[in-house]
Amino acid sequence: MDFTDDQLERYARHIVLREIGGAGQARLRGAHVAIIGAGGIGCPAIAYLAAAGIGTLRVIDGDEVSLSNLQRQILFGADDVGTPKAEAARAAAQRLNPDCHVIPINQRVDADNAATLLREADIILDGCDNFETRLAVSDAATRLRIPLVSAAVGSFEGQIGVWRGWEEGAPCYRCLVGDTKTDPARTCAEEGIVGALTGIIGSMAALEVIRQLVPFGASMAGKLIVFDLLSRRLRELSIPRDPACQAAFAQA
C-alpha cells in the first residue's frame, strides 16, 4: 500500500473499517474525482473528499466568491470574496490535506465542452445550480461511461441520485428530468436556502462518491433520495429508465 507513517495515522479511521481497509484507502488515493460547482453542495463535498484522501480533485466552476455565498459555502471566508471559486477551493482543500492534488478549472460546463472537461475522471459529482448544466454533465457522463453523483437543493429540500446510464436498463439523470429547463424565478437567490441543508446534501454526496469508488453497503445507482427538512422526512425512489431518453438512444 506504500503509505507513510503520517498517512497511516491520518487515514487510520478509514483503514480500520472492514468495508474500506488499506486496499480501499489506496483506491481512494488513486482516484480522480471531477466536481461541478464549488458552491453550497460542492464546498462540503470538496472538504470531505480531500480529507478522505482522494488523490485528485478536478474542481470546475466559472464563478467568483461573493459575500452572499458565505452563508453556506463553508470553504470560503471574507478574504476570498472576488477570488475564482475553483482557485479558492484548491487553497482550502490543500490546507485540509496537502496530499490531495486539486486541479482548478475556472470555466462553466456546457453541452459543447462537458465531454472534454470531464474525460478521464473516475467519477463525477455534480452540485451545480441549473438544469442545463446538469443535463450536459449527465449526457457526457453517460457517453463517457463515468458514474455520476448528482445533488441539488432548494429552500428546505435536497436530493441526491447516483446514475450509471450506460449500463443495461439503468437510468441516467435525464431519465428523471427529461428536457427540463431552469426557471429563473426559482433560483437560490429568489427562493432562499438554509445554509446547513447544503452541508447535509454535500456531505451525503461525498459519501456516495466514496461508496462508488470503494463499494460498500447497498448501491444507490438508479435511485433518488429526497430530503424534506420541514417535515423531517426522507424518501428513496427507484427511477426507471426512460426508453425515449435521448441519452439512451445515443448509447444504442
Foldseek 3Di string as FASTA:
>chain_A
DPDDPVRCVLQVVQQPDPLQHPVNLVLQLAAEEEEEDLALLNQLLLQVSLSSNRQEYEYEEQDFDAPVRVQANPLDDPVRGPPQSLVSSQVSSCVNPVNHHYHYHNDHDALVCLLVSPPPHQAYEYEDFWDRSVVSNQLSCQVRQHKYWYKYDAAQKIKIAIERPLDPFFAIVCLVVPPDGGDPCRGCVNRPHNNVVSNVRSVVSSVLVSCVSRPDDDHRGQKMWMAGRVVRDIDIGRGGHDPPHPSNVVSD
